[in-house]
Amino acid sequence: MDLTLNASTLYPTRIVLNMANRRSVGITVSSVKPGEALPVSFFRYDAAKHPGLPVVDLR
């Protein structure tokens, strides 16, 4: 993985994933919204919305 950061803000501007088969996938970050408050529910998996899918917790 190659990660390019903005020198003044240290926010990512480009992410490139280099795979074993010599292919790569690049992502360009066009904007970042720092400090935006997200509810706890944003980070929780709601199993009721996806019935029949197993939940594998590797903690």
PDB file of N, CA and C in Angstrom:
ATOM      1  N   MET A   1       0.844  -1.162   0.000  1.00  0.00           N
ATOM      2  CA  MET A   1       0.000   0.000   0.000  1.00  0.00           C
ATOM      3  C   MET A   1       0.894   1.231   0.000  1.00  0.00           C
ATOM      4  N   ASP A   2       0.546   2.178  -0.839  1.00  0.00           N
ATOM      5  CA  ASP A   2       1.222   3.475  -0.862  1.00  0.00           C
ATOM      6  C   ASP A   2       0.218   4.522  -0.418  1.00  0.00           C
ATOM      7  N   LEU A   3       0.603   5.325   0.544  1.00  0.00           N
ATOM      8  CA  LEU A   3      -0.270   6.358   1.081  1.00  0.00           C
ATOM      9  C   LEU A   3       0.411   7.699   0.887  1.00  0.00           C
ATOM     10  N   THR A   4      -0.273   8.617   0.203  1.00  0.00           N
ATOM     11  CA  THR A   4       0.256   9.961  -0.010  1.00  0.00           C
ATOM     12  C   THR A   4      -0.505  10.918   0.890  1.00  0.00           C
ATOM     13  N   LEU A   5       0.254  11.715   1.661  1.00  0.00           N
ATOM     14  CA  LEU A   5      -0.352  12.659   2.598  1.00  0.00           C
ATOM     15  C   LEU A   5      -0.075  14.090   2.160  1.00  0.00           C
ATOM     16  N   ASN A   6      -1.002  14.980   2.493  1.00  0.00           N
ATOM     17  CA  ASN A   6      -0.801  16.406   2.291  1.00  0.00           C
ATOM     18  C   ASN A   6       0.229  16.855   3.332  1.00  0.00           C
ATOM     19  N   ALA A   7       1.278  17.525   2.917  1.00  0.00           N
ATOM     20  CA  ALA A   7       2.375  17.898   3.813  1.00  0.00           C
ATOM     21  C   ALA A   7       1.948  18.842   4.928  1.00  0.00           C
ATOM     22  N   SER A   8       0.981  19.707   4.683  1.00  0.00           N
ATOM     23  CA  SER A   8       0.594  20.678   5.714  1.00  0.00           C
ATOM     24  C   SER A   8      -0.503  20.163   6.641  1.00  0.00           C
ATOM     25  N   THR A   9      -1.429  19.354   6.133  1.00  0.00           N
ATOM     26  CA  THR A   9      -2.541  18.889   6.967  1.00  0.00           C
ATOM     27  C   THR A   9      -2.372  17.455   7.459  1.00  0.00           C
ATOM     28  N   LEU A  10      -1.507  16.695   6.779  1.00  0.00           N
ATOM     29  CA  LEU A  10      -1.307  15.262   7.034  1.00  0.00           C
ATOM     30  C   LEU A  10      -2.546  14.423   6.744  1.00  0.00           C
ATOM     31  N   TYR A  11      -3.485  14.964   5.982  1.00  0.00           N
ATOM     32  CA  TYR A  11      -4.637  14.187   5.537  1.00  0.00           C
ATOM     33  C   TYR A  11      -4.238  13.394   4.293  1.00  0.00           C
ATOM     34  N   PRO A  12      -4.831  12.212   4.112  1.00  0.00           N
ATOM     35  CA  PRO A  12      -4.492  11.434   2.917  1.00  0.00           C
ATOM     36  C   PRO A  12      -5.038  12.098   1.661  1.00  0.00           C
ATOM     37  N   THR A  13      -4.242  12.048   0.587  1.00  0.00           N
ATOM     38  CA  THR A  13      -4.695  12.586  -0.703  1.00  0.00           C
ATOM     39  C   THR A  13      -4.803  11.485  -1.749  1.00  0.00           C
ATOM     40  N   ARG A  14      -4.047  10.390  -1.558  1.00  0.00           N
ATOM     41  CA  ARG A  14      -4.096   9.267  -2.508  1.00  0.00           C
ATOM     42  C   ARG A  14      -3.695   7.987  -1.789  1.00  0.00           C
ATOM     43  N   ILE A  15      -4.417   6.913  -2.100  1.00  0.00           N
ATOM     44  CA  ILE A  15      -4.141   5.593  -1.549  1.00  0.00           C
ATOM     45  C   ILE A  15      -4.049   4.633  -2.728  1.00  0.00           C
ATOM     46  N   VAL A  16      -2.949   3.898  -2.808  1.00  0.00           N
ATOM     47  CA  VAL A  16      -2.762   2.914  -3.881  1.00  0.00           C
ATOM     48  C   VAL A  16      -2.490   1.565  -3.234  1.00  0.00           C
ATOM     49  N   LEU A  17      -3.302   0.570  -3.593  1.00  0.00           N
ATOM     50  CA  LEU A  17      -3.121  -0.791  -3.106  1.00  0.00           C
ATOM     51  C   LEU A  17      -2.438  -1.594  -4.196  1.00  0.00           C
ATOM     52  N   ASN A  18      -1.268  -2.128  -3.892  1.00  0.00           N
ATOM     53  CA  ASN A  18      -0.501  -2.936  -4.834  1.00  0.00           C
ATOM     54  C   ASN A  18      -0.709  -4.405  -4.478  1.00  0.00           C
ATOM     55  N   MET A  19      -1.263  -5.172  -5.407  1.00  0.00           N
ATOM     56  CA  MET A  19      -1.587  -6.569  -5.135  1.00  0.00           C
ATOM     57  C   MET A  19      -0.491  -7.506  -5.621  1.00  0.00           C
ATOM     58  N   ALA A  20      -0.558  -8.750  -5.167  1.00  0.00           N
ATOM     59  CA  ALA A  20       0.459  -9.746  -5.489  1.00  0.00           C
ATOM     60  C   ALA A  20       0.532 -10.040  -6.986  1.00  0.00           C
ATOM     61  N   ASN A  21      -0.571  -9.893  -7.706  1.00  0.00           N
ATOM     62  CA  ASN A  21      -0.579 -10.166  -9.150  1.00  0.00           C
ATOM     63  C   ASN A  21      -0.116  -8.961  -9.976  1.00  0.00           C
ATOM     64  N   ARG A  22       0.549  -8.027  -9.322  1.00  0.00           N
ATOM     65  CA  ARG A  22       1.111  -6.816  -9.945  1.00  0.00           C
ATOM     66  C   ARG A  22       0.063  -5.822 -10.427  1.00  0.00           C
ATOM     67  N   ARG A  23      -1.150  -6.003 -10.040  1.00  0.00           N
ATOM     68  CA  ARG A  23      -2.188  -5.012 -10.339  1.00  0.00           C
ATOM     69  C   ARG A  23      -2.277  -4.047  -9.172  1.00  0.00           C
ATOM     70  N   SER A  24      -2.846  -2.892  -9.426  1.00  0.00           N
ATOM     71  CA  SER A  24      -3.000  -1.921  -8.347  1.00  0.00           C
ATOM     72  C   SER A  24      -4.341  -1.217  -8.472  1.00  0.00           C
ATOM     73  N   VAL A  25      -4.810  -0.753  -7.343  1.00  0.00           N
ATOM     74  CA  VAL A  25      -6.060  -0.007  -7.273  1.00  0.00           C
ATOM     75  C   VAL A  25      -5.740   1.321  -6.607  1.00  0.00           C
ATOM     76  N   GLY A  26      -6.112   2.419  -7.248  1.00  0.00           N
ATOM     77  CA  GLY A  26      -5.832   3.744  -6.699  1.00  0.00           C
ATOM     78  C   GLY A  26      -7.093   4.470  -6.311  1.00  0.00           C
ATOM     79  N   ILE A  27      -7.021   5.158  -5.191  1.00  0.00           N
ATOM     80  CA  ILE A  27      -8.139   5.957  -4.693  1.00  0.00           C
ATOM     81  C   ILE A  27      -7.613   7.368  -4.458  1.00  0.00           C
ATOM     82  N   THR A  28      -8.257   8.354  -5.056  1.00  0.00           N
ATOM     83  CA  THR A  28      -7.894   9.747  -4.839  1.00  0.00           C
ATOM     84  C   THR A  28      -8.901  10.367  -3.879  1.00  0.00           C
ATOM     85  N   VAL A  29      -8.397  10.955  -2.806  1.00  0.00           N
ATOM     86  CA  VAL A  29      -9.250  11.585  -1.799  1.00  0.00           C
ATOM     87  C   VAL A  29      -9.390  13.050  -2.179  1.00  0.00           C
ATOM     88  N   SER A  30     -10.614  13.458  -2.495  1.00  0.00           N
ATOM     89  CA  SER A  30     -10.824  14.837  -2.948  1.00  0.00           C
ATOM     90  C   SER A  30     -11.172  15.793  -1.818  1.00  0.00           C
ATOM     91  N   SER A  31     -11.722  15.277  -0.716  1.00  0.00           N
ATOM     92  CA  SER A  31     -12.024  16.157   0.414  1.00  0.00           C
ATOM     93  C   SER A  31     -12.091  15.339   1.695  1.00  0.00           C
ATOM     94  N   VAL A  32     -11.811  16.036   2.797  1.00  0.00           N
ATOM     95  CA  VAL A  32     -11.865  15.430   4.129  1.00  0.00           C
ATOM     96  C   VAL A  32     -12.616  16.385   5.033  1.00  0.00           C
ATOM     97  N   LYS A  33     -13.542  15.847   5.824  1.00  0.00           N
ATOM     98  CA  LYS A  33     -14.293  16.667   6.780  1.00  0.00           C
ATOM     99  C   LYS A  33     -13.878  16.262   8.194  1.00  0.00           C
ATOM    100  N   PRO A  34     -12.867  16.908   8.736  1.00  0.00           N
ATOM    101  CA  PRO A  34     -12.411  16.541  10.074  1.00  0.00           C
ATOM    102  C   PRO A  34     -13.395  16.990  11.155  1.00  0.00           C
ATOM    103  N   GLY A  35     -13.464  16.219  12.204  1.00  0.00           N
ATOM    104  CA  GLY A  35     -14.253  16.613  13.359  1.00  0.00           C
ATOM    105  C   GLY A  35     -15.745  16.421  13.229  1.00  0.00           C
ATOM    106  N   GLU A  36     -16.212  15.808  12.150  1.00  0.00           N
ATOM    107  CA  GLU A  36     -17.642  15.591  12.005  1.00  0.00           C
ATOM    108  C   GLU A  36     -18.076  14.508  12.988  1.00  0.00           C
ATOM    109  N   ALA A  37     -19.052  14.826  13.822  1.00  0.00           N
ATOM    110  CA  ALA A  37     -19.539  13.879  14.821  1.00  0.00           C
ATOM    111  C   ALA A  37     -20.444  12.843  14.165  1.00  0.00           C
ATOM    112  N   LEU A  38     -20.155  11.584  14.411  1.00  0.00           N
ATOM    113  CA  LEU A  38     -20.965  10.492  13.876  1.00  0.00           C
ATOM    114  C   LEU A  38     -21.588   9.738  15.044  1.00  0.00           C
ATOM    115  N   PRO A  39     -22.845   9.336  14.908  1.00  0.00           N
ATOM    116  CA  PRO A  39     -23.477   8.602  16.001  1.00  0.00           C
ATOM    117  C   PRO A  39     -22.845   7.217  16.158  1.00  0.00           C
ATOM    118  N   VAL A  40     -22.903   6.668  17.358  1.00  0.00           N
ATOM    119  CA  VAL A  40     -22.354   5.335  17.629  1.00  0.00           C
ATOM    120  C   VAL A  40     -22.992   4.296  16.718  1.00  0.00           C
ATOM    121  N   SER A  41     -24.264   4.484  16.384  1.00  0.00           N
ATOM    122  CA  SER A  41     -24.962   3.526  15.525  1.00  0.00           C
ATOM    123  C   SER A  41     -24.321   3.422  14.136  1.00  0.00           C
ATOM    124  N   PHE A  42     -23.586   4.429  13.715  1.00  0.00           N
ATOM    125  CA  PHE A  42     -22.912   4.411  12.426  1.00  0.00           C
ATOM    126  C   PHE A  42     -21.867   3.299  12.365  1.00  0.00           C
ATOM    127  N   PHE A  43     -21.290   2.947  13.508  1.00  0.00           N
ATOM    128  CA  PHE A  43     -20.218   1.961  13.574  1.00  0.00           C
ATOM    129  C   PHE A  43     -20.702   0.577  14.020  1.00  0.00           C
ATOM    130  N   ARG A  44     -21.983   0.417  14.222  1.00  0.00           N
ATOM    131  CA  ARG A  44     -22.523  -0.861  14.678  1.00  0.00           C
ATOM    132  C   ARG A  44     -23.211  -1.579  13.527  1.00  0.00           C
ATOM    133  N   TYR A  45     -22.999  -2.885  13.461  1.00  0.00           N
ATOM    134  CA  TYR A  45     -23.626  -3.711  12.430  1.00  0.00           C
ATOM    135  C   TYR A  45     -25.016  -4.097  12.894  1.00  0.00           C
ATOM    136  N   ASP A  46     -26.014  -3.793  12.104  1.00  0.00           N
ATOM    137  CA  ASP A  46     -27.399  -4.130  12.433  1.00  0.00           C
ATOM    138  C   ASP A  46     -27.758  -5.442  11.741  1.00  0.00           C
ATOM    139  N   ALA A  47     -27.672  -6.543  12.489  1.00  0.00           N
ATOM    140  CA  ALA A  47     -27.934  -7.871  11.926  1.00  0.00           C
ATOM    141  C   ALA A  47     -29.372  -8.011  11.447  1.00  0.00           C
ATOM    142  N   ALA A  48     -30.296  -7.250  12.020  1.00  0.00           N
ATOM    143  CA  ALA A  48     -31.698  -7.325  11.614  1.00  0.00           C
ATOM    144  C   ALA A  48     -31.893  -6.842  10.170  1.00  0.00           C
ATOM    145  N   LYS A  49     -31.028  -5.964   9.696  1.00  0.00           N
ATOM    146  CA  LYS A  49     -31.136  -5.462   8.321  1.00  0.00           C
ATOM    147  C   LYS A  49     -30.613  -6.466   7.300  1.00  0.00           C
ATOM    148  N   HIS A  50     -29.871  -7.476   7.769  1.00  0.00           N
ATOM    149  CA  HIS A  50     -29.273  -8.463   6.870  1.00  0.00           C
ATOM    150  C   HIS A  50     -29.522  -9.870   7.418  1.00  0.00           C
ATOM    151  N   PRO A  51     -30.773 -10.310   7.423  1.00  0.00           N
ATOM    152  CA  PRO A  51     -31.071 -11.620   7.986  1.00  0.00           C
ATOM    153  C   PRO A  51     -30.408 -12.740   7.188  1.00  0.00           C
ATOM    154  N   GLY A  52     -29.959 -13.772   7.904  1.00  0.00           N
ATOM    155  CA  GLY A  52     -29.357 -14.921   7.252  1.00  0.00           C
ATOM    156  C   GLY A  52     -27.863 -14.837   7.054  1.00  0.00           C
ATOM    157  N   LEU A  53     -27.271 -13.654   7.261  1.00  0.00           N
ATOM    158  CA  LEU A  53     -25.815 -13.516   7.119  1.00  0.00           C
ATOM    159  C   LEU A  53     -25.159 -13.744   8.472  1.00  0.00           C
ATOM    160  N   PRO A  54     -24.136 -14.566   8.515  1.00  0.00           N
ATOM    161  CA  PRO A  54     -23.471 -14.809   9.795  1.00  0.00           C
ATOM    162  C   PRO A  54     -22.615 -13.615  10.208  1.00  0.00           C
ATOM    163  N   VAL A  55     -22.493 -13.410  11.496  1.00  0.00           N
ATOM    164  CA  VAL A  55     -21.628 -12.367  12.045  1.00  0.00           C
ATOM    165  C   VAL A  55     -20.415 -13.058  12.641  1.00  0.00           C
ATOM    166  N   VAL A  56     -19.238 -12.723  12.126  1.00  0.00           N
ATOM    167  CA  VAL A  56     -18.005 -13.312  12.630  1.00  0.00           C
ATOM    168  C   VAL A  56     -17.242 -12.222  13.394  1.00  0.00           C
ATOM    169  N   ASP A  57     -17.161 -12.369  14.693  1.00  0.00           N
ATOM    170  CA  ASP A  57     -16.503 -11.391  15.550  1.00  0.00           C
ATOM    171  C   ASP A  57     -15.119 -11.930  15.906  1.00  0.00           C
ATOM    172  N   LEU A  58     -14.076 -11.306  15.402  1.00  0.00           N
ATOM    173  CA  LEU A  58     -12.706 -11.793  15.604  1.00  0.00           C
ATOM    174  C   LEU A  58     -11.957 -10.999  16.671  1.00  0.00           C
ATOM    175  N   ARG A  59     -12.708 -10.441  17.609  1.00  0.00           N
ATOM    176  CA  ARG A  59     -12.016  -9.681  18.666  1.00  0.00           C
ATOM    177  C   ARG A  59     -11.207 -10.557  19.546  1.00  0.00           C
TER     178      ARG A  59
END
